[in-house]
PDB file of all heavy atoms in Angstrom:
ATOM      1  N   VAL A   1     108.929-155.522 -72.262  1.00  0.00           N
ATOM      2  CA  VAL A   1     107.837-156.553 -72.564  1.00  0.00           C
ATOM      3  C   VAL A   1     107.099-156.841 -71.393  1.00  0.00           C
ATOM      4  O   VAL A   1     105.781-156.960 -71.447  1.00  0.00           O
ATOM      5  CB  VAL A   1     108.590-157.825 -73.144  1.00  0.00           C
ATOM      6  CG1 VAL A   1     107.542-158.972 -73.189  1.00  0.00           C
ATOM      7  CG2 VAL A   1     109.119-157.605 -74.483  1.00  0.00           C
ATOM      8  N   SER A   2     107.662-156.965 -70.197  1.00  0.00           N
ATOM      9  CA  SER A   2     106.919-157.180 -68.993  1.00  0.00           C
ATOM     10  C   SER A   2     105.853-156.124 -68.738  1.00  0.00           C
ATOM     11  O   SER A   2     104.745-156.354 -68.373  1.00  0.00           O
ATOM     12  CB  SER A   2     107.868-157.281 -67.752  1.00  0.00           C
ATOM     13  OG  SER A   2     108.650-158.416 -67.860  1.00  0.00           O
ATOM     14  N   ALA A   3     106.279-154.838 -68.991  1.00  0.00           N
ATOM     15  CA  ALA A   3     105.368-153.733 -68.809  1.00  0.00           C
ATOM     16  C   ALA A   3     104.218-153.795 -69.879  1.00  0.00           C
ATOM     17  O   ALA A   3     103.100-153.559 -69.519  1.00  0.00           O
ATOM     18  CB  ALA A   3     106.092-152.403 -68.939  1.00  0.00           C
ATOM     19  N   MET A   4     104.566-154.203 -71.055  1.00  0.00           N
ATOM     20  CA  MET A   4     103.534-154.232 -72.118  1.00  0.00           C
ATOM     21  C   MET A   4     102.549-155.357 -71.845  1.00  0.00           C
ATOM     22  O   MET A   4     101.304-155.214 -72.091  1.00  0.00           O
ATOM     23  CB  MET A   4     104.197-154.570 -73.503  1.00  0.00           C
ATOM     24  CG  MET A   4     105.029-153.394 -73.988  1.00  0.00           C
ATOM     25  SD  MET A   4     105.992-153.766 -75.482  1.00  0.00           S
ATOM     26  CE  MET A   4     104.697-153.796 -76.713  1.00  0.00           C
ATOM     27  N   LEU A   5     102.948-156.481 -71.332  1.00  0.00           N
ATOM     28  CA  LEU A   5     102.019-157.572 -71.040  1.00  0.00           C
ATOM     29  C   LEU A   5     101.143-157.236 -69.864  1.00  0.00           C
ATOM     30  O   LEU A   5     100.050-157.801 -69.729  1.00  0.00           O
ATOM     31  CB  LEU A   5     102.888-158.812 -70.766  1.00  0.00           C
ATOM     32  CG  LEU A   5     103.629-159.382 -71.964  1.00  0.00           C
ATOM     33  CD1 LEU A   5     104.425-160.636 -71.501  1.00  0.00           C
ATOM     34  CD2 LEU A   5     102.703-159.715 -73.092  1.00  0.00           C
ATOM     35  N   GLY A   6     101.587-156.329 -68.929  1.00  0.00           N
ATOM     36  CA  GLY A   6     100.785-156.035 -67.785  1.00  0.00           C
ATOM     37  C   GLY A   6     100.075-154.679 -67.936  1.00  0.00           C
ATOM     38  O   GLY A   6      99.320-154.292 -67.106  1.00  0.00           O
ATOM     39  N   GLU A   7     100.285-153.967 -69.108  1.00  0.00           N
ATOM     40  CA  GLU A   7      99.664-152.680 -69.268  1.00  0.00           C
ATOM     41  C   GLU A   7      99.015-152.585 -70.573  1.00  0.00           C
ATOM     42  O   GLU A   7      99.188-151.674 -71.362  1.00  0.00           O
ATOM     43  CB  GLU A   7     100.783-151.586 -69.248  1.00  0.00           C
ATOM     44  CG  GLU A   7     101.528-151.495 -67.918  1.00  0.00           C
ATOM     45  CD  GLU A   7     102.651-150.492 -68.074  1.00  0.00           C
ATOM     46  OE1 GLU A   7     102.787-149.830 -69.142  1.00  0.00           O
ATOM     47  OE2 GLU A   7     103.485-150.381 -67.145  1.00  0.00           O
ATOM     48  N   LYS A   8      98.134-153.544 -70.878  1.00  0.00           N
ATOM     49  CA  LYS A   8      97.372-153.506 -72.166  1.00  0.00           C
ATOM     50  C   LYS A   8      96.279-152.445 -72.124  1.00  0.00           C
ATOM     51  O   LYS A   8      95.086-152.767 -72.098  1.00  0.00           O
ATOM     52  CB  LYS A   8      96.804-154.891 -72.347  1.00  0.00           C
ATOM     53  CG  LYS A   8      97.895-155.999 -72.571  1.00  0.00           C
ATOM     54  CD  LYS A   8      98.653-155.770 -73.827  1.00  0.00           C
ATOM     55  CE  LYS A   8      97.867-156.181 -75.105  1.00  0.00           C
ATOM     56  NZ  LYS A   8      98.609-156.024 -76.373  1.00  0.00           N
ATOM     57  N   VAL A   9      96.728-151.276 -72.077  1.00  0.00           N
ATOM     58  CA  VAL A   9      95.745-150.127 -71.996  1.00  0.00           C
ATOM     59  C   VAL A   9      95.034-149.953 -73.368  1.00  0.00           C
ATOM     60  O   VAL A   9      95.599-150.259 -74.416  1.00  0.00           O
ATOM     61  CB  VAL A   9      96.443-148.802 -71.588  1.00  0.00           C
ATOM     62  CG1 VAL A   9      97.011-148.958 -70.236  1.00  0.00           C
ATOM     63  CG2 VAL A   9      97.522-148.474 -72.553  1.00  0.00           C
ATOM     64  N   LEU A  10      93.901-149.373 -73.247  1.00  0.00           N
ATOM     65  CA  LEU A  10      93.082-149.169 -74.515  1.00  0.00           C
ATOM     66  C   LEU A  10      93.974-148.198 -75.391  1.00  0.00           C
ATOM     67  O   LEU A  10      94.204-147.111 -75.067  1.00  0.00           O
ATOM     68  CB  LEU A  10      91.829-148.452 -74.186  1.00  0.00           C
ATOM     69  CG  LEU A  10      90.701-148.427 -75.280  1.00  0.00           C
ATOM     70  CD1 LEU A  10      90.248-149.789 -75.567  1.00  0.00           C
ATOM     71  CD2 LEU A  10      89.576-147.502 -74.859  1.00  0.00           C
ATOM     72  N   SER A  11      94.300-148.725 -76.592  1.00  0.00           N
ATOM     73  CA  SER A  11      95.183-148.033 -77.469  1.00  0.00           C
ATOM     74  C   SER A  11      94.558-147.199 -78.505  1.00  0.00           C
ATOM     75  O   SER A  11      95.148-146.332 -79.163  1.00  0.00           O
ATOM     76  CB  SER A  11      96.071-149.033 -78.139  1.00  0.00           C
ATOM     77  OG  SER A  11      95.329-149.974 -78.958  1.00  0.00           O
ATOM     78  N   ALA A  12      93.287-147.351 -78.768  1.00  0.00           N
ATOM     79  CA  ALA A  12      92.641-146.658 -79.857  1.00  0.00           C
ATOM     80  C   ALA A  12      91.422-145.871 -79.380  1.00  0.00           C
ATOM     81  O   ALA A  12      90.745-146.299 -78.435  1.00  0.00           O
ATOM     82  CB  ALA A  12      92.208-147.582 -80.907  1.00  0.00           C
ATOM     83  N   ALA A  13      91.138-144.757 -80.022  1.00  0.00           N
ATOM     84  CA  ALA A  13      89.939-144.004 -79.743  1.00  0.00           C
ATOM     85  C   ALA A  13      88.728-144.876 -80.175  1.00  0.00           C
ATOM     86  O   ALA A  13      88.724-145.317 -81.356  1.00  0.00           O
ATOM     87  CB  ALA A  13      89.904-142.698 -80.412  1.00  0.00           C
ATOM     88  N   LYS A  14      87.692-145.097 -79.384  1.00  0.00           N
ATOM     89  CA  LYS A  14      86.648-145.987 -79.776  1.00  0.00           C
ATOM     90  C   LYS A  14      85.393-145.247 -80.048  1.00  0.00           C
ATOM     91  O   LYS A  14      84.245-145.643 -79.701  1.00  0.00           O
ATOM     92  CB  LYS A  14      86.445-147.023 -78.607  1.00  0.00           C
ATOM     93  CG  LYS A  14      87.660-147.824 -78.297  1.00  0.00           C
ATOM     94  CD  LYS A  14      88.101-148.700 -79.498  1.00  0.00           C
ATOM     95  CE  LYS A  14      89.285-149.551 -79.074  1.00  0.00           C
ATOM     96  NZ  LYS A  14      89.779-150.386 -80.216  1.00  0.00           N
ATOM     97  N   ALA A  15      85.410-144.085 -80.763  1.00  0.00           N
ATOM     98  CA  ALA A  15      84.232-143.323 -81.028  1.00  0.00           C
ATOM     99  C   ALA A  15      83.331-144.122 -81.942  1.00  0.00           C
ATOM    100  O   ALA A  15      82.146-143.879 -81.920  1.00  0.00           O
ATOM    101  CB  ALA A  15      84.667-142.049 -81.737  1.00  0.00           C
ATOM    102  N   ASP A  16      83.827-145.037 -82.729  1.00  0.00           N
ATOM    103  CA  ASP A  16      82.937-145.824 -83.692  1.00  0.00           C
ATOM    104  C   ASP A  16      82.850-147.336 -83.293  1.00  0.00           C
ATOM    105  O   ASP A  16      82.720-148.150 -84.061  1.00  0.00           O
ATOM    106  CB  ASP A  16      83.533-145.669 -85.075  1.00  0.00           C
ATOM    107  CG  ASP A  16      84.859-146.253 -85.258  1.00  0.00           C
ATOM    108  OD1 ASP A  16      85.612-146.379 -84.178  1.00  0.00           O
ATOM    109  OD2 ASP A  16      85.248-146.664 -86.334  1.00  0.00           O
ATOM    110  N   ALA A  17      83.030-147.589 -81.921  1.00  0.00           N
ATOM    111  CA  ALA A  17      82.894-148.960 -81.502  1.00  0.00           C
ATOM    112  C   ALA A  17      81.542-149.500 -81.926  1.00  0.00           C
ATOM    113  O   ALA A  17      80.489-148.754 -81.969  1.00  0.00           O
ATOM    114  CB  ALA A  17      83.078-149.049 -79.988  1.00  0.00           C
ATOM    115  N   PRO A  18      81.395-150.835 -82.226  1.00  0.00           N
ATOM    116  CA  PRO A  18      80.164-151.334 -82.616  1.00  0.00           C
ATOM    117  C   PRO A  18      79.076-151.126 -81.605  1.00  0.00           C
ATOM    118  O   PRO A  18      79.306-151.158 -80.340  1.00  0.00           O
ATOM    119  CB  PRO A  18      80.465-152.856 -82.707  1.00  0.00           C
ATOM    120  CG  PRO A  18      81.931-152.890 -82.934  1.00  0.00           C
ATOM    121  CD  PRO A  18      82.515-151.811 -82.172  1.00  0.00           C
ATOM    122  N   ALA A  19      77.882-150.779 -82.071  1.00  0.00           N
ATOM    123  CA  ALA A  19      76.765-150.563 -81.191  1.00  0.00           C
ATOM    124  C   ALA A  19      76.156-151.881 -80.630  1.00  0.00           C
ATOM    125  O   ALA A  19      75.528-151.852 -79.572  1.00  0.00           O
ATOM    126  CB  ALA A  19      75.655-149.813 -81.880  1.00  0.00           C
ATOM    127  N   SER A  20      76.491-152.958 -81.262  1.00  0.00           N
ATOM    128  CA  SER A  20      75.885-154.322 -80.795  1.00  0.00           C
ATOM    129  C   SER A  20      76.915-155.398 -81.220  1.00  0.00           C
ATOM    130  O   SER A  20      77.649-155.306 -82.128  1.00  0.00           O
ATOM    131  CB  SER A  20      74.502-154.508 -81.318  1.00  0.00           C
ATOM    132  OG  SER A  20      74.648-154.653 -82.824  1.00  0.00           O
ATOM    133  N   PHE A  21      76.747-156.531 -80.450  1.00  0.00           N
ATOM    134  CA  PHE A  21      77.546-157.763 -80.673  1.00  0.00           C
ATOM    135  C   PHE A  21      76.596-158.878 -80.672  1.00  0.00           C
ATOM    136  O   PHE A  21      75.715-158.978 -79.724  1.00  0.00           O
ATOM    137  CB  PHE A  21      78.643-157.957 -79.702  1.00  0.00           C
ATOM    138  CG  PHE A  21      79.610-156.806 -79.548  1.00  0.00           C
ATOM    139  CD1 PHE A  21      79.218-155.755 -78.702  1.00  0.00           C
ATOM    140  CD2 PHE A  21      80.760-156.756 -80.177  1.00  0.00           C
ATOM    141  CE1 PHE A  21      80.166-154.684 -78.536  1.00  0.00           C
ATOM    142  CE2 PHE A  21      81.681-155.711 -80.030  1.00  0.00           C
ATOM    143  CZ  PHE A  21      81.407-154.651 -79.186  1.00  0.00           C
ATOM    144  N   ARG A  22      76.645-159.838 -81.602  1.00  0.00           N
ATOM    145  CA  ARG A  22      75.775-160.937 -81.706  1.00  0.00           C
ATOM    146  C   ARG A  22      76.586-162.223 -81.790  1.00  0.00           C
ATOM    147  O   ARG A  22      77.403-162.352 -82.685  1.00  0.00           O
ATOM    148  CB  ARG A  22      74.747-160.848 -82.779  1.00  0.00           C
ATOM    149  CG  ARG A  22      73.645-161.963 -82.759  1.00  0.00           C
ATOM    150  CD  ARG A  22      72.687-161.818 -83.927  1.00  0.00           C
ATOM    151  NE  ARG A  22      71.576-162.753 -83.804  1.00  0.00           N
ATOM    152  CZ  ARG A  22      70.437-162.541 -83.117  1.00  0.00           C
ATOM    153  NH1 ARG A  22      70.307-161.350 -82.500  1.00  0.00           N
ATOM    154  NH2 ARG A  22      69.530-163.419 -83.010  1.00  0.00           N
ATOM    155  N   PHE A  23      76.322-163.201 -80.895  1.00  0.00           N
ATOM    156  CA  PHE A  23      76.944-164.440 -80.937  1.00  0.00           C
ATOM    157  C   PHE A  23      75.883-165.539 -81.080  1.00  0.00           C
ATOM    158  O   PHE A  23      75.277-165.979 -80.100  1.00  0.00           O
ATOM    159  CB  PHE A  23      77.726-164.742 -79.641  1.00  0.00           C
ATOM    160  CG  PHE A  23      78.798-163.635 -79.390  1.00  0.00           C
ATOM    161  CD1 PHE A  23      78.460-162.461 -78.728  1.00  0.00           C
ATOM    162  CD2 PHE A  23      80.087-163.775 -79.907  1.00  0.00           C
ATOM    163  CE1 PHE A  23      79.460-161.502 -78.499  1.00  0.00           C
ATOM    164  CE2 PHE A  23      81.060-162.809 -79.572  1.00  0.00           C
ATOM    165  CZ  PHE A  23      80.754-161.661 -78.971  1.00  0.00           C
ATOM    166  N   SER A  24      75.626-165.965 -82.335  1.00  0.00           N
ATOM    167  CA  SER A  24      74.582-166.940 -82.549  1.00  0.00           C
ATOM    168  C   SER A  24      75.060-168.441 -82.572  1.00  0.00           C
ATOM    169  O   SER A  24      74.288-169.363 -82.281  1.00  0.00           O
ATOM    170  CB  SER A  24      73.895-166.668 -83.937  1.00  0.00           C
ATOM    171  OG  SER A  24      74.837-166.824 -84.965  1.00  0.00           O
ATOM    172  N   PHE A  25      76.333-168.609 -82.760  1.00  0.00           N
ATOM    173  CA  PHE A  25      76.980-169.946 -82.703  1.00  0.00           C
ATOM    174  C   PHE A  25      76.335-170.996 -83.588  1.00  0.00           C
ATOM    175  O   PHE A  25      76.287-172.144 -83.288  1.00  0.00           O
ATOM    176  CB  PHE A  25      77.023-170.464 -81.251  1.00  0.00           C
ATOM    177  CG  PHE A  25      77.646-169.511 -80.333  1.00  0.00           C
ATOM    178  CD1 PHE A  25      76.970-169.053 -79.138  1.00  0.00           C
ATOM    179  CD2 PHE A  25      78.915-169.154 -80.456  1.00  0.00           C
ATOM    180  CE1 PHE A  25      77.615-168.168 -78.278  1.00  0.00           C
ATOM    181  CE2 PHE A  25      79.596-168.263 -79.558  1.00  0.00           C
ATOM    182  CZ  PHE A  25      78.897-167.831 -78.442  1.00  0.00           C
ATOM    183  N   ASP A  26      75.789-170.482 -84.771  1.00  0.00           N
ATOM    184  CA  ASP A  26      75.245-171.471 -85.689  1.00  0.00           C
ATOM    185  C   ASP A  26      76.232-172.330 -86.324  1.00  0.00           C
ATOM    186  O   ASP A  26      76.021-173.496 -86.695  1.00  0.00           O
ATOM    187  CB  ASP A  26      74.424-170.666 -86.775  1.00  0.00           C
ATOM    188  CG  ASP A  26      73.128-170.071 -86.278  1.00  0.00           C
ATOM    189  OD1 ASP A  26      72.588-170.671 -85.267  1.00  0.00           O
ATOM    190  OD2 ASP A  26      72.604-169.126 -86.806  1.00  0.00           O
ATOM    191  N   THR A  27      77.456-171.783 -86.595  1.00  0.00           N
ATOM    192  CA  THR A  27      78.548-172.512 -87.150  1.00  0.00           C
ATOM    193  C   THR A  27      79.850-172.133 -86.398  1.00  0.00           C
ATOM    194  O   THR A  27      79.896-171.134 -85.652  1.00  0.00           O
ATOM    195  CB  THR A  27      78.782-172.277 -88.630  1.00  0.00           C
ATOM    196  OG1 THR A  27      79.270-170.954 -88.829  1.00  0.00           O
ATOM    197  CG2 THR A  27      77.376-172.359 -89.430  1.00  0.00           C
ATOM    198  N   ALA A  28      80.895-172.845 -86.689  1.00  0.00           N
ATOM    199  CA  ALA A  28      82.238-172.587 -86.113  1.00  0.00           C
ATOM    200  C   ALA A  28      83.067-171.696 -87.067  1.00  0.00           C
ATOM    201  O   ALA A  28      84.236-171.466 -86.809  1.00  0.00           O
ATOM    202  CB  ALA A  28      82.922-173.884 -85.827  1.00  0.00           C
ATOM    203  N   GLU A  29      82.444-171.215 -88.137  1.00  0.00           N
ATOM    204  CA  GLU A  29      83.183-170.416 -89.092  1.00  0.00           C
ATOM    205  C   GLU A  29      83.812-169.180 -88.441  1.00  0.00           C
ATOM    206  O   GLU A  29      83.128-168.401 -87.803  1.00  0.00           O
ATOM    207  CB  GLU A  29      82.279-170.008 -90.195  1.00  0.00           C
ATOM    208  CG  GLU A  29      82.988-169.477 -91.475  1.00  0.00           C
ATOM    209  CD  GLU A  29      83.654-170.615 -92.178  1.00  0.00           C
ATOM    210  OE1 GLU A  29      83.058-171.650 -92.539  1.00  0.00           O
ATOM    211  OE2 GLU A  29      84.900-170.473 -92.375  1.00  0.00           O
ATOM    212  N   GLY A  30      85.087-168.985 -88.675  1.00  0.00           N
ATOM    213  CA  GLY A  30      85.751-167.823 -88.112  1.00  0.00           C
ATOM    214  C   GLY A  30      86.072-167.940 -86.651  1.00  0.00           C
ATOM    215  O   GLY A  30      86.628-166.938 -86.073  1.00  0.00           O
ATOM    216  N   MET A  31      85.822-169.086 -86.048  1.00  0.00           N
ATOM    217  CA  MET A  31      86.062-169.198 -84.568  1.00  0.00           C
ATOM    218  C   MET A  31      86.943-170.417 -84.303  1.00  0.00           C
ATOM    219  O   MET A  31      86.752-171.505 -84.840  1.00  0.00           O
ATOM    220  CB  MET A  31      84.720-169.423 -83.794  1.00  0.00           C
ATOM    221  CG  MET A  31      84.859-169.565 -82.384  1.00  0.00           C
ATOM    222  SD  MET A  31      83.219-169.579 -81.497  1.00  0.00           S
ATOM    223  CE  MET A  31      82.310-170.761 -82.441  1.00  0.00           C
ATOM    224  N   LYS A  32      88.049-170.173 -83.569  1.00  0.00           N
ATOM    225  CA  LYS A  32      88.977-171.267 -83.270  1.00  0.00           C
ATOM    226  C   LYS A  32      88.515-171.989 -82.031  1.00  0.00           C
ATOM    227  O   LYS A  32      88.454-171.423 -80.945  1.00  0.00           O
ATOM    228  CB  LYS A  32      90.399-170.697 -83.056  1.00  0.00           C
ATOM    229  CG  LYS A  32      91.412-171.744 -82.952  1.00  0.00           C
ATOM    230  CD  LYS A  32      92.807-171.212 -82.853  1.00  0.00           C
ATOM    231  CE  LYS A  32      93.866-172.270 -82.733  1.00  0.00           C
ATOM    232  NZ  LYS A  32      95.266-171.688 -82.775  1.00  0.00           N
ATOM    233  N   LEU A  33      88.179-173.267 -82.236  1.00  0.00           N
ATOM    234  CA  LEU A  33      87.639-174.093 -81.081  1.00  0.00           C
ATOM    235  C   LEU A  33      88.804-174.840 -80.450  1.00  0.00           C
ATOM    236  O   LEU A  33      89.687-175.425 -81.146  1.00  0.00           O
ATOM    237  CB  LEU A  33      86.580-175.035 -81.599  1.00  0.00           C
ATOM    238  CG  LEU A  33      85.271-174.390 -82.162  1.00  0.00           C
ATOM    239  CD1 LEU A  33      84.380-175.501 -82.747  1.00  0.00           C
ATOM    240  CD2 LEU A  33      84.608-173.601 -81.097  1.00  0.00           C
ATOM    241  N   GLY A  34      88.826-174.818 -79.138  1.00  0.00           N
ATOM    242  CA  GLY A  34      89.781-175.584 -78.423  1.00  0.00           C
ATOM    243  C   GLY A  34      89.340-176.986 -77.935  1.00  0.00           C
ATOM    244  O   GLY A  34      88.230-177.364 -78.301  1.00  0.00           O
ATOM    245  N   THR A  35      90.123-177.621 -77.158  1.00  0.00           N
ATOM    246  CA  THR A  35      89.728-178.947 -76.618  1.00  0.00           C
ATOM    247  C   THR A  35      88.468-178.808 -75.771  1.00  0.00           C
ATOM    248  O   THR A  35      88.324-177.951 -74.957  1.00  0.00           O
ATOM    249  CB  THR A  35      90.844-179.502 -75.767  1.00  0.00           C
ATOM    250  OG1 THR A  35      92.088-179.518 -76.498  1.00  0.00           O
ATOM    251  CG2 THR A  35      90.530-180.873 -75.175  1.00  0.00           C
ATOM    252  N   GLY A  36      87.574-179.673 -76.069  1.00  0.00           N
ATOM    253  CA  GLY A  36      86.213-179.689 -75.335  1.00  0.00           C
ATOM    254  C   GLY A  36      85.208-178.650 -75.800  1.00  0.00           C
ATOM    255  O   GLY A  36      84.193-178.557 -75.187  1.00  0.00           O
ATOM    256  N   GLU A  37      85.553-177.886 -76.843  1.00  0.00           N
ATOM    257  CA  GLU A  37      84.647-176.856 -77.404  1.00  0.00           C
ATOM    258  C   GLU A  37      84.111-177.305 -78.761  1.00  0.00           C
ATOM    259  O   GLU A  37      84.871-177.797 -79.598  1.00  0.00           O
ATOM    260  CB  GLU A  37      85.401-175.529 -77.572  1.00  0.00           C
ATOM    261  CG  GLU A  37      86.065-174.982 -76.293  1.00  0.00           C
ATOM    262  CD  GLU A  37      86.935-173.848 -76.520  1.00  0.00           C
ATOM    263  OE1 GLU A  37      87.066-173.419 -77.681  1.00  0.00           O
ATOM    264  OE2 GLU A  37      87.485-173.289 -75.454  1.00  0.00           O
ATOM    265  N   SER A  38      82.784-177.216 -78.886  1.00  0.00           N
ATOM    266  CA  SER A  38      82.183-177.621 -80.165  1.00  0.00           C
ATOM    267  C   SER A  38      80.937-176.890 -80.443  1.00  0.00           C
ATOM    268  O   SER A  38      80.373-176.236 -79.522  1.00  0.00           O
ATOM    269  CB  SER A  38      82.016-179.116 -80.137  1.00  0.00           C
ATOM    270  OG  SER A  38      81.030-179.487 -79.108  1.00  0.00           O
ATOM    271  N   ILE A  39      80.491-176.949 -81.659  1.00  0.00           N
ATOM    272  CA  ILE A  39      79.120-176.437 -82.001  1.00  0.00           C
ATOM    273  C   ILE A  39      78.164-177.616 -81.988  1.00  0.00           C
ATOM    274  O   ILE A  39      78.262-178.561 -82.748  1.00  0.00           O
ATOM    275  CB  ILE A  39      79.171-175.816 -83.416  1.00  0.00           C
ATOM    276  CG1 ILE A  39      80.116-174.686 -83.454  1.00  0.00           C
ATOM    277  CG2 ILE A  39      77.792-175.302 -83.780  1.00  0.00           C
ATOM    278  CD1 ILE A  39      79.824-173.540 -82.469  1.00  0.00           C
ATOM    279  N   ALA A  40      77.162-177.537 -81.050  1.00  0.00           N
ATOM    280  CA  ALA A  40      76.180-178.584 -80.936  1.00  0.00           C
ATOM    281  C   ALA A  40      74.905-178.215 -81.649  1.00  0.00           C
ATOM    282  O   ALA A  40      74.617-177.026 -81.829  1.00  0.00           O
ATOM    283  CB  ALA A  40      75.895-178.826 -79.446  1.00  0.00           C
ATOM    284  N   LYS A  41      74.171-179.258 -82.037  1.00  0.00           N
ATOM    285  CA  LYS A  41      72.893-178.995 -82.854  1.00  0.00           C
ATOM    286  C   LYS A  41      71.677-178.661 -82.015  1.00  0.00           C
ATOM    287  O   LYS A  41      70.731-178.053 -82.472  1.00  0.00           O
ATOM    288  CB  LYS A  41      72.610-180.233 -83.687  1.00  0.00           C
ATOM    289  CG  LYS A  41      73.677-180.491 -84.781  1.00  0.00           C
ATOM    290  CD  LYS A  41      73.325-181.668 -85.685  1.00  0.00           C
ATOM    291  CE  LYS A  41      74.392-181.831 -86.820  1.00  0.00           C
ATOM    292  NZ  LYS A  41      74.091-182.948 -87.698  1.00  0.00           N
ATOM    293  N   ASP A  42      71.656-179.116 -80.777  1.00  0.00           N
ATOM    294  CA  ASP A  42      70.513-178.878 -79.932  1.00  0.00           C
ATOM    295  C   ASP A  42      70.526-177.432 -79.412  1.00  0.00           C
ATOM    296  O   ASP A  42      70.778-177.133 -78.276  1.00  0.00           O
ATOM    297  CB  ASP A  42      70.459-179.847 -78.750  1.00  0.00           C
ATOM    298  CG  ASP A  42      69.158-179.718 -77.957  1.00  0.00           C
ATOM    299  OD1 ASP A  42      68.225-179.191 -78.395  1.00  0.00           O
ATOM    300  OD2 ASP A  42      69.226-180.178 -76.729  1.00  0.00           O
ATOM    301  N   ALA A  43      70.238-176.580 -80.321  1.00  0.00           N
ATOM    302  CA  ALA A  43      70.333-175.083 -80.119  1.00  0.00           C
ATOM    303  C   ALA A  43      69.112-174.559 -79.472  1.00  0.00           C
ATOM    304  O   ALA A  43      67.974-175.020 -79.510  1.00  0.00           O
ATOM    305  CB  ALA A  43      70.645-174.331 -81.360  1.00  0.00           C
ATOM    306  N   PHE A  44      69.239-173.355 -78.816  1.00  0.00           N
ATOM    307  CA  PHE A  44      68.089-172.598 -78.252  1.00  0.00           C
ATOM    308  C   PHE A  44      67.335-172.053 -79.446  1.00  0.00           C
ATOM    309  O   PHE A  44      66.071-172.080 -79.480  1.00  0.00           O
ATOM    310  CB  PHE A  44      68.657-171.482 -77.350  1.00  0.00           C
ATOM    311  CG  PHE A  44      67.551-170.607 -76.838  1.00  0.00           C
ATOM    312  CD1 PHE A  44      66.553-171.024 -75.916  1.00  0.00           C
ATOM    313  CD2 PHE A  44      67.447-169.253 -77.232  1.00  0.00           C
ATOM    314  CE1 PHE A  44      65.609-170.198 -75.493  1.00  0.00           C
ATOM    315  CE2 PHE A  44      66.453-168.437 -76.824  1.00  0.00           C
ATOM    316  CZ  PHE A  44      65.539-168.865 -75.868  1.00  0.00           C
TER     317      PHE A  44
END
């Protein structure tokens, strides 16, 4: 277990990794918010 926690090597071939990532933060849907984290309305 110690080795696994320190050796999180890339386990899968990523030939089809997403070409893009978008974080719009319009809602908190699907995102776990912790203490002090929130979705604010005064957006860019």
